[in-house]
Amino acid sequence: MKIEDKRVLVTGVAGFIGSNLTDKLLNLGATVIGIDNLFNGRLENLAEALNNKNFQFHKGDIRDFNFLLDIFKDIDIIFHEAAFTSVPQSVKMPESCNDVNINGTLNLLNAARKRDVEKIIFASSSAVYGDTPTLPKHENMPRIPISPYAVTKLTCESYMEVFHQVYGLNTTSLRYFNVFGPRQQDSPYSGVIAIWLGRIIKNKSLIIFGDGNNSRDFTYIKDVIQVNILAAENKSSGAILNIGAGSPITLLDLAKLMLKLTNKEELGIIFDPPRPGDIIHSYADISKVKEILKFQPKYTQEQGLRDYLEWYCKKYEVNLKIK
C-alpha cells in the first residue's frame, strides 16, 4: 500500500515528531488531516504544511470521543503521535498522564473501529522496558516500567494488540528510542539534546543528572519518519517494533561530542543528582524491524547531530561554528 493519494490523519500534528512526519507525508502526495490541542504543539511547526492545499488542521483533543468520530470519516491511515510525553512530569502528574495517553488512545481506537480506518501506527516508547539489565533491548523481553509515563505506553501497546486481535484493526506499535532533531523544544521536559543545545547557545554548562554513564540509543528524526512510512506502506499488522539507531552512547560522551561539534568545550559539564524514573541503560535491538519493514538507519548519532545543529543555526540565525 503506497501512501500516495491516501487520506492520512496525524494526532499531535503540531508537535516535534508529528509535524516532521506531516511534511514528509505531504511531500509523498498524501492528504493529511492533523489534530492537536496545542498544549505542547506549536503552530509554527506547521508553517510549511499550512500552506499546502492537501493539509487540514483541526484544534481538538484525543480525549473528546465525538470530535474523533467526526474527524475520522474517510480516513485511511492514522499516525498516533499525540501524548503526554514527559517522564518527570508523569511522576508529578500521573492522573493527567493516564487520562491523555490511555483514555485518549482508547477513544482513538474505538473511533477508528467505528469508522473502518485501514491502519493505525502508534508511537510507543523504549520506556516500557524499564531498567531490566538485558542489553540490547529486544521486543520479547520482560517489560518493567518504572514511571507512570512508561505504564501508559505499555497499556496503549496492549490496547493496540487487543484491538487487532478482537476487532481486526490493523495496528502497529513503534517503540521509539530517544528521538531528536529539528523542532524539538528546549524546555525542562524536552529531550536532553534540545535542552543542551539551548544551554550551549546561552553559553551555559551542560547539566547531567547522575554520573553521565547512563547510555541511550539516540535516534535521528529522519530515521523515525522513514520507518513510519515503511510501517504504513508494508505489512506489519499487530507488530511491536523497536525503532532506534541500534548503537548506544553514554550521556557523558554525548555531552562531550556536542561541545566539540559546536566549539564550546570550555563550557564544561555539571553533574546533578539522578532524577526519579530515569533509566540507567537503554539501547535497541533493531533486527526485528529490519526484517519486517526492511528498515535501515541512515544516520549515526554524530551525523544526526550535525544535521540538527546545521538546521538550527540556519533556522534561528545562530552563529555557531559547527565542526
C-alpha atoms as a PDB file:
ATOM      1  CA  MET A   1       0.000   0.000   0.000  1.00  0.00           C
ATOM      2  CA  LYS A   2       1.520   3.294  -1.112  1.00  0.00           C
ATOM      3  CA  ILE A   3       0.944   6.418   0.982  1.00  0.00           C
ATOM      4  CA  GLU A   4       0.385   8.461  -2.171  1.00  0.00           C
ATOM      5  CA  ASP A   5      -3.248   9.586  -2.582  1.00  0.00           C
ATOM      6  CA  LYS A   6      -4.216   8.230   0.867  1.00  0.00           C
ATOM      7  CA  ARG A   7      -6.169  10.264   3.407  1.00  0.00           C
ATOM      8  CA  VAL A   8      -3.945  10.239   6.448  1.00  0.00           C
ATOM      9  CA  LEU A   9      -4.579  11.584   9.952  1.00  0.00           C
ATOM     10  CA  VAL A  10      -1.801  12.627  12.329  1.00  0.00           C
ATOM     11  CA  THR A  11      -2.534  13.178  16.035  1.00  0.00           C
ATOM     12  CA  GLY A  12      -0.178  15.536  17.857  1.00  0.00           C
ATOM     13  CA  VAL A  13       0.413  17.099  14.451  1.00  0.00           C
ATOM     14  CA  ALA A  14       1.918  20.355  15.771  1.00  0.00           C
ATOM     15  CA  GLY A  15       4.481  18.533  17.881  1.00  0.00           C
ATOM     16  CA  PHE A  16       8.085  17.637  17.140  1.00  0.00           C
ATOM     17  CA  ILE A  17       7.540  14.239  15.517  1.00  0.00           C
ATOM     18  CA  GLY A  18       4.020  14.884  14.211  1.00  0.00           C
ATOM     19  CA  SER A  19       4.993  17.999  12.240  1.00  0.00           C
ATOM     20  CA  ASN A  20       8.081  16.397  10.699  1.00  0.00           C
ATOM     21  CA  LEU A  21       6.002  13.367   9.723  1.00  0.00           C
ATOM     22  CA  THR A  22       3.316  15.604   8.218  1.00  0.00           C
ATOM     23  CA  ASP A  23       5.783  17.420   5.970  1.00  0.00           C
ATOM     24  CA  LYS A  24       7.086  14.107   4.660  1.00  0.00           C
ATOM     25  CA  LEU A  25       3.585  12.708   4.067  1.00  0.00           C
ATOM     26  CA  LEU A  26       2.595  15.804   2.102  1.00  0.00           C
ATOM     27  CA  ASN A  27       5.776  15.563   0.039  1.00  0.00           C
ATOM     28  CA  LEU A  28       4.839  11.972  -0.793  1.00  0.00           C
ATOM     29  CA  GLY A  29       1.417  13.033  -2.105  1.00  0.00           C
ATOM     30  CA  ALA A  30      -0.882  12.144   0.791  1.00  0.00           C
ATOM     31  CA  THR A  31      -3.780  14.256   2.001  1.00  0.00           C
ATOM     32  CA  VAL A  32      -3.113  14.961   5.684  1.00  0.00           C
ATOM     33  CA  ILE A  33      -5.629  15.863   8.371  1.00  0.00           C
ATOM     34  CA  GLY A  34      -3.881  16.980  11.542  1.00  0.00           C
ATOM     35  CA  ILE A  35      -5.259  17.316  15.064  1.00  0.00           C
ATOM     36  CA  ASP A  36      -3.617  18.868  18.115  1.00  0.00           C
ATOM     37  CA  ASN A  37      -4.861  20.551  21.302  1.00  0.00           C
ATOM     38  CA  LEU A  38      -1.784  22.837  21.177  1.00  0.00           C
ATOM     39  CA  PHE A  39      -0.899  22.130  24.808  1.00  0.00           C
ATOM     40  CA  ASN A  40       2.644  21.217  23.761  1.00  0.00           C
ATOM     41  CA  GLY A  41       2.355  21.523  19.986  1.00  0.00           C
ATOM     42  CA  ARG A  42       3.148  24.787  18.215  1.00  0.00           C
ATOM     43  CA  LEU A  43       1.512  26.100  15.059  1.00  0.00           C
ATOM     44  CA  GLU A  44       4.879  27.451  13.903  1.00  0.00           C
ATOM     45  CA  ASN A  45       5.907  23.811  13.371  1.00  0.00           C
ATOM     46  CA  LEU A  46       3.189  23.627  10.705  1.00  0.00           C
ATOM     47  CA  ALA A  47       4.224  26.759   8.793  1.00  0.00           C
ATOM     48  CA  GLU A  48       5.041  24.750   5.667  1.00  0.00           C
ATOM     49  CA  ALA A  49       2.073  22.371   5.949  1.00  0.00           C
ATOM     50  CA  LEU A  50      -0.490  25.138   6.438  1.00  0.00           C
ATOM     51  CA  ASN A  51       0.437  26.497   3.008  1.00  0.00           C
ATOM     52  CA  ASN A  52      -0.244  23.120   1.384  1.00  0.00           C
ATOM     53  CA  LYS A  53      -3.718  22.631  -0.135  1.00  0.00           C
ATOM     54  CA  ASN A  54      -3.617  18.952   0.876  1.00  0.00           C
ATOM     55  CA  PHE A  55      -3.379  19.749   4.594  1.00  0.00           C
ATOM     56  CA  GLN A  56      -6.174  20.473   7.062  1.00  0.00           C
ATOM     57  CA  PHE A  57      -5.651  21.394  10.718  1.00  0.00           C
ATOM     58  CA  HIS A  58      -8.232  20.880  13.470  1.00  0.00           C
ATOM     59  CA  LYS A  59      -7.694  22.015  17.031  1.00  0.00           C
ATOM     60  CA  GLY A  60      -9.047  19.272  19.257  1.00  0.00           C
ATOM     61  CA  ASP A  61      -8.276  16.746  21.961  1.00  0.00           C
ATOM     62  CA  ILE A  62      -7.979  12.959  21.681  1.00  0.00           C
ATOM     63  CA  ARG A  63      -9.961  12.725  24.942  1.00  0.00           C
ATOM     64  CA  ASP A  64     -13.023  14.038  23.056  1.00  0.00           C
ATOM     65  CA  PHE A  65     -14.570  10.924  21.511  1.00  0.00           C
ATOM     66  CA  ASN A  66     -17.234  12.725  19.474  1.00  0.00           C
ATOM     67  CA  PHE A  67     -14.596  15.019  17.982  1.00  0.00           C
ATOM     68  CA  LEU A  68     -12.556  11.981  16.885  1.00  0.00           C
ATOM     69  CA  LEU A  69     -15.601  10.209  15.496  1.00  0.00           C
ATOM     70  CA  ASP A  70     -16.365  13.220  13.319  1.00  0.00           C
ATOM     71  CA  ILE A  71     -12.766  13.780  12.149  1.00  0.00           C
ATOM     72  CA  PHE A  72     -12.112  10.103  11.347  1.00  0.00           C
ATOM     73  CA  LYS A  73     -14.640   9.984   8.487  1.00  0.00           C
ATOM     74  CA  ASP A  74     -12.997   8.634   5.301  1.00  0.00           C
ATOM     75  CA  ILE A  75      -9.544   8.306   6.915  1.00  0.00           C
ATOM     76  CA  ASP A  76      -7.291   5.522   5.583  1.00  0.00           C
ATOM     77  CA  ILE A  77      -4.323   5.635   7.987  1.00  0.00           C
ATOM     78  CA  ILE A  78      -3.779   7.136  11.445  1.00  0.00           C
ATOM     79  CA  PHE A  79      -0.375   8.026  12.871  1.00  0.00           C
ATOM     80  CA  HIS A  80      -0.958   8.393  16.613  1.00  0.00           C
ATOM     81  CA  GLU A  81       1.753  10.725  17.922  1.00  0.00           C
ATOM     82  CA  ALA A  82      -0.290  12.731  20.453  1.00  0.00           C
ATOM     83  CA  ALA A  83       0.745  12.027  24.051  1.00  0.00           C
ATOM     84  CA  PHE A  84       1.643  13.262  27.483  1.00  0.00           C
ATOM     85  CA  THR A  85       5.349  12.833  26.773  1.00  0.00           C
ATOM     86  CA  SER A  86       7.391  13.793  29.825  1.00  0.00           C
ATOM     87  CA  VAL A  87       8.663  11.144  32.242  1.00  0.00           C
ATOM     88  CA  PRO A  88       9.436  13.663  35.054  1.00  0.00           C
ATOM     89  CA  GLN A  89       6.049  15.336  34.574  1.00  0.00           C
ATOM     90  CA  SER A  90       4.287  11.961  34.679  1.00  0.00           C
ATOM     91  CA  VAL A  91       5.826  11.332  38.101  1.00  0.00           C
ATOM     92  CA  LYS A  92       4.333  14.636  39.294  1.00  0.00           C
ATOM     93  CA  MET A  93       1.008  14.278  37.426  1.00  0.00           C
ATOM     94  CA  PRO A  94       0.160  10.570  36.978  1.00  0.00           C
ATOM     95  CA  GLU A  95      -3.583  11.194  36.603  1.00  0.00           C
ATOM     96  CA  SER A  96      -3.099  13.617  33.706  1.00  0.00           C
ATOM     97  CA  CYS A  97      -0.653  11.265  32.003  1.00  0.00           C
ATOM     98  CA  ASN A  98      -3.121   8.380  32.353  1.00  0.00           C
ATOM     99  CA  ASP A  99      -6.008  10.478  31.040  1.00  0.00           C
ATOM    100  CA  VAL A 100      -4.236  11.703  27.911  1.00  0.00           C
ATOM    101  CA  ASN A 101      -2.315   8.569  26.988  1.00  0.00           C
ATOM    102  CA  ILE A 102      -4.643   5.727  27.957  1.00  0.00           C
ATOM    103  CA  ASN A 103      -8.116   7.264  27.760  1.00  0.00           C
ATOM    104  CA  GLY A 104      -7.169   9.263  24.678  1.00  0.00           C
ATOM    105  CA  THR A 105      -5.774   6.205  22.909  1.00  0.00           C
ATOM    106  CA  LEU A 106      -8.814   4.091  23.789  1.00  0.00           C
ATOM    107  CA  ASN A 107     -11.025   6.822  22.328  1.00  0.00           C
ATOM    108  CA  LEU A 108      -8.921   6.808  19.184  1.00  0.00           C
ATOM    109  CA  LEU A 109      -9.161   3.036  18.779  1.00  0.00           C
ATOM    110  CA  ASN A 110     -12.917   2.984  19.287  1.00  0.00           C
ATOM    111  CA  ALA A 111     -13.462   5.843  16.845  1.00  0.00           C
ATOM    112  CA  ALA A 112     -11.150   4.189  14.278  1.00  0.00           C
ATOM    113  CA  ARG A 113     -13.048   0.912  14.641  1.00  0.00           C
ATOM    114  CA  LYS A 114     -16.387   2.621  14.059  1.00  0.00           C
ATOM    115  CA  ARG A 115     -15.029   4.484  11.028  1.00  0.00           C
ATOM    116  CA  ASP A 116     -13.305   1.433   9.461  1.00  0.00           C
ATOM    117  CA  VAL A 117      -9.859   3.002   9.399  1.00  0.00           C
ATOM    118  CA  GLU A 118      -7.422   0.773   7.482  1.00  0.00           C
ATOM    119  CA  LYS A 119      -4.334   1.100   9.679  1.00  0.00           C
ATOM    120  CA  ILE A 120      -3.119   2.701  12.920  1.00  0.00           C
ATOM    121  CA  ILE A 121       0.568   3.307  13.664  1.00  0.00           C
ATOM    122  CA  PHE A 122       1.164   4.081  17.325  1.00  0.00           C
ATOM    123  CA  ALA A 123       4.127   5.961  18.814  1.00  0.00           C
ATOM    124  CA  SER A 124       5.234   3.879  21.779  1.00  0.00           C
ATOM    125  CA  SER A 125       8.439   4.227  23.791  1.00  0.00           C
ATOM    126  CA  SER A 126      11.521   2.339  24.923  1.00  0.00           C
ATOM    127  CA  ALA A 127      10.498   3.441  28.423  1.00  0.00           C
ATOM    128  CA  VAL A 128       8.295   0.318  28.607  1.00  0.00           C
ATOM    129  CA  TYR A 129      11.401  -1.812  29.231  1.00  0.00           C
ATOM    130  CA  GLY A 130      12.312  -0.024  32.448  1.00  0.00           C
ATOM    131  CA  ASP A 131      15.695  -0.822  33.954  1.00  0.00           C
ATOM    132  CA  THR A 132      15.900  -4.523  33.185  1.00  0.00           C
ATOM    133  CA  PRO A 133      19.611  -5.366  32.810  1.00  0.00           C
ATOM    134  CA  THR A 134      19.374  -7.123  29.434  1.00  0.00           C
ATOM    135  CA  LEU A 135      21.064  -5.192  26.624  1.00  0.00           C
ATOM    136  CA  PRO A 136      20.269  -4.527  23.882  1.00  0.00           C
ATOM    137  CA  LYS A 137      16.524  -4.321  24.486  1.00  0.00           C
ATOM    138  CA  HIS A 138      14.536  -6.744  22.351  1.00  0.00           C
ATOM    139  CA  GLU A 139      10.772  -6.842  21.850  1.00  0.00           C
ATOM    140  CA  ASN A 140      10.100 -10.135  23.657  1.00  0.00           C
ATOM    141  CA  MET A 141      11.980  -9.405  26.865  1.00  0.00           C
ATOM    142  CA  PRO A 142      10.191  -8.556  30.140  1.00  0.00           C
ATOM    143  CA  ARG A 143       8.803  -5.052  30.344  1.00  0.00           C
ATOM    144  CA  ILE A 144       9.049  -3.496  33.791  1.00  0.00           C
ATOM    145  CA  PRO A 145       8.061   0.190  33.564  1.00  0.00           C
ATOM    146  CA  ILE A 146       9.410   2.480  36.288  1.00  0.00           C
ATOM    147  CA  SER A 147       7.379   5.648  35.596  1.00  0.00           C
ATOM    148  CA  PRO A 148       3.693   6.448  35.097  1.00  0.00           C
ATOM    149  CA  TYR A 149       4.555   7.507  31.537  1.00  0.00           C
ATOM    150  CA  ALA A 150       6.026   4.088  30.781  1.00  0.00           C
ATOM    151  CA  VAL A 151       2.977   2.348  32.289  1.00  0.00           C
ATOM    152  CA  THR A 152       0.684   4.297  29.969  1.00  0.00           C
ATOM    153  CA  LYS A 153       2.705   3.474  26.856  1.00  0.00           C
ATOM    154  CA  LEU A 154       2.762  -0.222  27.734  1.00  0.00           C
ATOM    155  CA  THR A 155      -1.000  -0.168  28.328  1.00  0.00           C
ATOM    156  CA  CYS A 156      -1.569   1.511  24.972  1.00  0.00           C
ATOM    157  CA  GLU A 157       0.529  -1.148  23.245  1.00  0.00           C
ATOM    158  CA  SER A 158      -1.696  -3.787  24.841  1.00  0.00           C
ATOM    159  CA  TYR A 159      -4.789  -1.994  23.606  1.00  0.00           C
ATOM    160  CA  MET A 160      -3.297  -1.888  20.099  1.00  0.00           C
ATOM    161  CA  GLU A 161      -2.753  -5.667  20.238  1.00  0.00           C
ATOM    162  CA  VAL A 162      -6.210  -6.386  21.648  1.00  0.00           C
ATOM    163  CA  PHE A 163      -7.997  -4.235  19.071  1.00  0.00           C
ATOM    164  CA  HIS A 164      -6.033  -6.065  16.378  1.00  0.00           C
ATOM    165  CA  GLN A 165      -6.926  -9.496  17.749  1.00  0.00           C
ATOM    166  CA  VAL A 166     -10.537  -8.838  18.785  1.00  0.00           C
ATOM    167  CA  TYR A 167     -11.749  -6.312  16.202  1.00  0.00           C
ATOM    168  CA  GLY A 168      -9.356  -6.947  13.329  1.00  0.00           C
ATOM    169  CA  LEU A 169      -7.884  -3.429  13.388  1.00  0.00           C
ATOM    170  CA  ASN A 170      -4.555  -3.220  11.581  1.00  0.00           C
ATOM    171  CA  THR A 171      -2.284  -1.775  14.286  1.00  0.00           C
ATOM    172  CA  THR A 172       1.474  -1.381  14.620  1.00  0.00           C
ATOM    173  CA  SER A 173       3.331  -0.078  17.675  1.00  0.00           C
ATOM    174  CA  LEU A 174       6.722   1.566  17.189  1.00  0.00           C
ATOM    175  CA  ARG A 175       8.895   1.752  20.306  1.00  0.00           C
ATOM    176  CA  TYR A 176      10.910   4.935  19.830  1.00  0.00           C
ATOM    177  CA  PHE A 177      14.342   5.201  21.428  1.00  0.00           C
ATOM    178  CA  ASN A 178      15.264   8.817  22.327  1.00  0.00           C
ATOM    179  CA  VAL A 179      14.280  10.676  19.178  1.00  0.00           C
ATOM    180  CA  PHE A 180      15.981  14.008  18.467  1.00  0.00           C
ATOM    181  CA  GLY A 181      16.120  16.585  15.692  1.00  0.00           C
ATOM    182  CA  PRO A 182      14.571  19.766  14.246  1.00  0.00           C
ATOM    183  CA  ARG A 183      11.584  21.279  16.109  1.00  0.00           C
ATOM    184  CA  GLN A 184      12.309  19.534  19.377  1.00  0.00           C
ATOM    185  CA  GLN A 185      11.587  22.109  22.064  1.00  0.00           C
ATOM    186  CA  ASP A 186      14.142  23.396  24.536  1.00  0.00           C
ATOM    187  CA  SER A 187      12.154  23.066  27.771  1.00  0.00           C
ATOM    188  CA  PRO A 188      12.802  21.367  31.139  1.00  0.00           C
ATOM    189  CA  TYR A 189      10.831  18.346  29.899  1.00  0.00           C
ATOM    190  CA  SER A 190      12.282  18.007  26.411  1.00  0.00           C
ATOM    191  CA  GLY A 191      14.851  15.556  25.169  1.00  0.00           C
ATOM    192  CA  VAL A 192      18.322  16.140  26.552  1.00  0.00           C
ATOM    193  CA  ILE A 193      19.860  17.100  23.191  1.00  0.00           C
ATOM    194  CA  ALA A 194      17.423  20.002  22.719  1.00  0.00           C
ATOM    195  CA  ILE A 195      17.999  21.129  26.309  1.00  0.00           C
ATOM    196  CA  TRP A 196      21.773  21.010  25.917  1.00  0.00           C
ATOM    197  CA  LEU A 197      21.645  22.900  22.629  1.00  0.00           C
ATOM    198  CA  GLY A 198      19.649  25.621  24.369  1.00  0.00           C
ATOM    199  CA  ARG A 199      22.313  25.853  27.064  1.00  0.00           C
ATOM    200  CA  ILE A 200      25.164  25.914  24.535  1.00  0.00           C
ATOM    201  CA  ILE A 201      23.534  28.842  22.728  1.00  0.00           C
ATOM    202  CA  LYS A 202      23.245  30.676  26.078  1.00  0.00           C
ATOM    203  CA  ASN A 203      26.900  29.819  26.865  1.00  0.00           C
ATOM    204  CA  LYS A 204      25.909  27.746  29.897  1.00  0.00           C
ATOM    205  CA  SER A 205      27.457  24.496  31.120  1.00  0.00           C
ATOM    206  CA  LEU A 206      25.684  21.255  30.242  1.00  0.00           C
ATOM    207  CA  ILE A 207      23.892  19.516  33.128  1.00  0.00           C
ATOM    208  CA  ILE A 208      23.942  15.734  33.537  1.00  0.00           C
ATOM    209  CA  PHE A 209      21.732  14.028  36.131  1.00  0.00           C
ATOM    210  CA  GLY A 210      23.880  11.278  37.634  1.00  0.00           C
ATOM    211  CA  ASP A 211      27.446  10.378  36.677  1.00  0.00           C
ATOM    212  CA  GLY A 212      26.953  10.503  32.903  1.00  0.00           C
ATOM    213  CA  ASN A 213      27.478   6.791  32.378  1.00  0.00           C
ATOM    214  CA  ASN A 214      23.804   6.311  31.508  1.00  0.00           C
ATOM    215  CA  SER A 215      23.611   5.046  27.932  1.00  0.00           C
ATOM    216  CA  ARG A 216      20.957   5.845  25.349  1.00  0.00           C
ATOM    217  CA  ASP A 217      20.140   4.990  21.746  1.00  0.00           C
ATOM    218  CA  PHE A 218      19.611   8.458  20.292  1.00  0.00           C
ATOM    219  CA  THR A 219      17.637   8.156  17.053  1.00  0.00           C
ATOM    220  CA  TYR A 220      17.519  10.906  14.444  1.00  0.00           C
ATOM    221  CA  ILE A 221      14.083  12.185  13.466  1.00  0.00           C
ATOM    222  CA  LYS A 222      14.593  11.464   9.757  1.00  0.00           C
ATOM    223  CA  ASP A 223      15.083   7.771  10.515  1.00  0.00           C
ATOM    224  CA  VAL A 224      11.922   7.764  12.654  1.00  0.00           C
ATOM    225  CA  ILE A 225       9.954   9.337   9.803  1.00  0.00           C
ATOM    226  CA  GLN A 226      11.390   6.795   7.367  1.00  0.00           C
ATOM    227  CA  VAL A 227      10.207   3.862   9.485  1.00  0.00           C
ATOM    228  CA  ASN A 228       6.728   5.325   9.991  1.00  0.00           C
ATOM    229  CA  ILE A 229       6.303   5.487   6.224  1.00  0.00           C
ATOM    230  CA  LEU A 230       7.571   1.911   5.895  1.00  0.00           C
ATOM    231  CA  ALA A 231       5.063   0.774   8.538  1.00  0.00           C
ATOM    232  CA  ALA A 232       2.237   2.471   6.643  1.00  0.00           C
ATOM    233  CA  GLU A 233       3.176   1.016   3.264  1.00  0.00           C
ATOM    234  CA  ASN A 234       4.097  -2.528   4.312  1.00  0.00           C
ATOM    235  CA  LYS A 235       2.543  -5.400   6.251  1.00  0.00           C
ATOM    236  CA  SER A 236       3.206  -5.123   9.976  1.00  0.00           C
ATOM    237  CA  SER A 237      -0.239  -5.846  11.372  1.00  0.00           C
ATOM    238  CA  GLY A 238      -0.211  -6.461  15.125  1.00  0.00           C
ATOM    239  CA  ALA A 239       3.554  -5.943  15.363  1.00  0.00           C
ATOM    240  CA  ILE A 240       5.504  -4.174  18.108  1.00  0.00           C
ATOM    241  CA  LEU A 241       8.859  -2.930  16.812  1.00  0.00           C
ATOM    242  CA  ASN A 242      11.904  -1.234  18.323  1.00  0.00           C
ATOM    243  CA  ILE A 243      12.908   1.941  16.494  1.00  0.00           C
ATOM    244  CA  GLY A 244      16.449   3.061  17.261  1.00  0.00           C
ATOM    245  CA  ALA A 245      19.862   3.707  15.804  1.00  0.00           C
ATOM    246  CA  GLY A 246      20.947   0.359  17.250  1.00  0.00           C
ATOM    247  CA  SER A 247      24.072   1.806  18.883  1.00  0.00           C
ATOM    248  CA  PRO A 248      24.442   3.203  22.413  1.00  0.00           C
ATOM    249  CA  ILE A 249      26.256   6.322  23.577  1.00  0.00           C
ATOM    250  CA  THR A 250      26.727   7.486  27.169  1.00  0.00           C
ATOM    251  CA  LEU A 251      25.349  10.869  28.179  1.00  0.00           C
ATOM    252  CA  LEU A 252      28.875  11.946  29.104  1.00  0.00           C
ATOM    253  CA  ASP A 253      30.205  11.074  25.634  1.00  0.00           C
ATOM    254  CA  LEU A 254      27.200  12.750  24.017  1.00  0.00           C
ATOM    255  CA  ALA A 255      27.752  15.945  26.012  1.00  0.00           C
ATOM    256  CA  LYS A 256      31.426  15.992  25.050  1.00  0.00           C
ATOM    257  CA  LEU A 257      30.503  15.406  21.387  1.00  0.00           C
ATOM    258  CA  MET A 258      28.002  18.296  21.374  1.00  0.00           C
ATOM    259  CA  LEU A 259      30.524  20.641  22.978  1.00  0.00           C
ATOM    260  CA  LYS A 260      33.159  19.566  20.455  1.00  0.00           C
ATOM    261  CA  LEU A 261      30.891  19.941  17.400  1.00  0.00           C
ATOM    262  CA  THR A 262      29.858  23.436  18.497  1.00  0.00           C
ATOM    263  CA  ASN A 263      33.382  24.538  19.501  1.00  0.00           C
ATOM    264  CA  LYS A 264      32.159  25.154  23.057  1.00  0.00           C
ATOM    265  CA  GLU A 265      34.274  22.718  25.041  1.00  0.00           C
ATOM    266  CA  GLU A 266      35.178  25.480  27.514  1.00  0.00           C
ATOM    267  CA  LEU A 267      31.562  25.473  28.822  1.00  0.00           C
ATOM    268  CA  GLY A 268      32.115  22.164  30.593  1.00  0.00           C
ATOM    269  CA  ILE A 269      29.671  19.817  32.328  1.00  0.00           C
ATOM    270  CA  ILE A 270      27.871  19.985  35.700  1.00  0.00           C
ATOM    271  CA  PHE A 271      26.761  16.777  37.453  1.00  0.00           C
ATOM    272  CA  ASP A 272      23.497  16.896  39.403  1.00  0.00           C
ATOM    273  CA  PRO A 273      21.770  14.115  41.435  1.00  0.00           C
ATOM    274  CA  PRO A 274      19.907  11.447  39.411  1.00  0.00           C
ATOM    275  CA  ARG A 275      16.171  12.013  38.770  1.00  0.00           C
ATOM    276  CA  PRO A 276      13.414   9.557  39.795  1.00  0.00           C
ATOM    277  CA  GLY A 277      12.119   7.497  36.876  1.00  0.00           C
ATOM    278  CA  ASP A 278      15.267   7.889  34.779  1.00  0.00           C
ATOM    279  CA  ILE A 279      16.540   4.676  33.200  1.00  0.00           C
ATOM    280  CA  ILE A 280      20.248   3.788  33.512  1.00  0.00           C
ATOM    281  CA  HIS A 281      20.921   1.959  30.235  1.00  0.00           C
ATOM    282  CA  SER A 282      18.820   1.623  27.103  1.00  0.00           C
ATOM    283  CA  TYR A 283      19.585   0.758  23.509  1.00  0.00           C
ATOM    284  CA  ALA A 284      17.699  -1.118  20.854  1.00  0.00           C
ATOM    285  CA  ASP A 285      17.974  -4.460  19.151  1.00  0.00           C
ATOM    286  CA  ILE A 286      16.503  -3.432  15.779  1.00  0.00           C
ATOM    287  CA  SER A 287      16.824  -6.779  13.996  1.00  0.00           C
ATOM    288  CA  LYS A 288      13.029  -7.310  14.016  1.00  0.00           C
ATOM    289  CA  VAL A 289      12.173  -4.013  12.289  1.00  0.00           C
ATOM    290  CA  LYS A 290      14.993  -4.603   9.807  1.00  0.00           C
ATOM    291  CA  GLU A 291      13.469  -7.991   8.967  1.00  0.00           C
ATOM    292  CA  ILE A 292       9.790  -6.982   8.837  1.00  0.00           C
ATOM    293  CA  LEU A 293       9.997  -3.495   7.343  1.00  0.00           C
ATOM    294  CA  LYS A 294      13.497  -3.597   5.786  1.00  0.00           C
ATOM    295  CA  PHE A 295      14.356  -0.535   7.903  1.00  0.00           C
ATOM    296  CA  GLN A 296      17.966   0.605   7.872  1.00  0.00           C
ATOM    297  CA  PRO A 297      19.001   3.680   9.890  1.00  0.00           C
ATOM    298  CA  LYS A 298      20.678   6.264   7.691  1.00  0.00           C
ATOM    299  CA  TYR A 299      22.063   8.495  10.454  1.00  0.00           C
ATOM    300  CA  THR A 300      24.643   7.788  13.115  1.00  0.00           C
ATOM    301  CA  GLN A 301      24.292   9.897  16.241  1.00  0.00           C
ATOM    302  CA  GLU A 302      27.087  12.207  15.079  1.00  0.00           C
ATOM    303  CA  GLN A 303      25.591  12.576  11.589  1.00  0.00           C
ATOM    304  CA  GLY A 304      22.188  13.320  13.108  1.00  0.00           C
ATOM    305  CA  LEU A 305      23.690  15.891  15.473  1.00  0.00           C
ATOM    306  CA  ARG A 306      25.483  17.683  12.621  1.00  0.00           C
ATOM    307  CA  ASP A 307      22.288  17.799  10.552  1.00  0.00           C
ATOM    308  CA  TYR A 308      20.263  19.056  13.524  1.00  0.00           C
ATOM    309  CA  LEU A 309      22.813  21.709  14.510  1.00  0.00           C
ATOM    310  CA  GLU A 310      23.117  22.997  10.953  1.00  0.00           C
ATOM    311  CA  TRP A 311      19.311  23.180  10.657  1.00  0.00           C
ATOM    312  CA  TYR A 312      19.058  25.032  13.970  1.00  0.00           C
ATOM    313  CA  CYS A 313      21.716  27.605  13.094  1.00  0.00           C
ATOM    314  CA  LYS A 314      20.092  28.314   9.727  1.00  0.00           C
ATOM    315  CA  LYS A 315      16.536  28.423  11.097  1.00  0.00           C
ATOM    316  CA  TYR A 316      17.277  30.720  14.030  1.00  0.00           C
ATOM    317  CA  GLU A 317      20.282  32.555  12.535  1.00  0.00           C
ATOM    318  CA  VAL A 318      22.532  31.352  15.344  1.00  0.00           C
ATOM    319  CA  ASN A 319      26.248  31.844  14.816  1.00  0.00           C
ATOM    320  CA  LEU A 320      27.682  28.511  15.941  1.00  0.00           C
ATOM    321  CA  LYS A 321      30.754  27.178  14.125  1.00  0.00           C
ATOM    322  CA  ILE A 322      29.900  23.519  13.580  1.00  0.00           C
ATOM    323  CA  LYS A 323      32.980  21.331  13.226  1.00  0.00           C
END
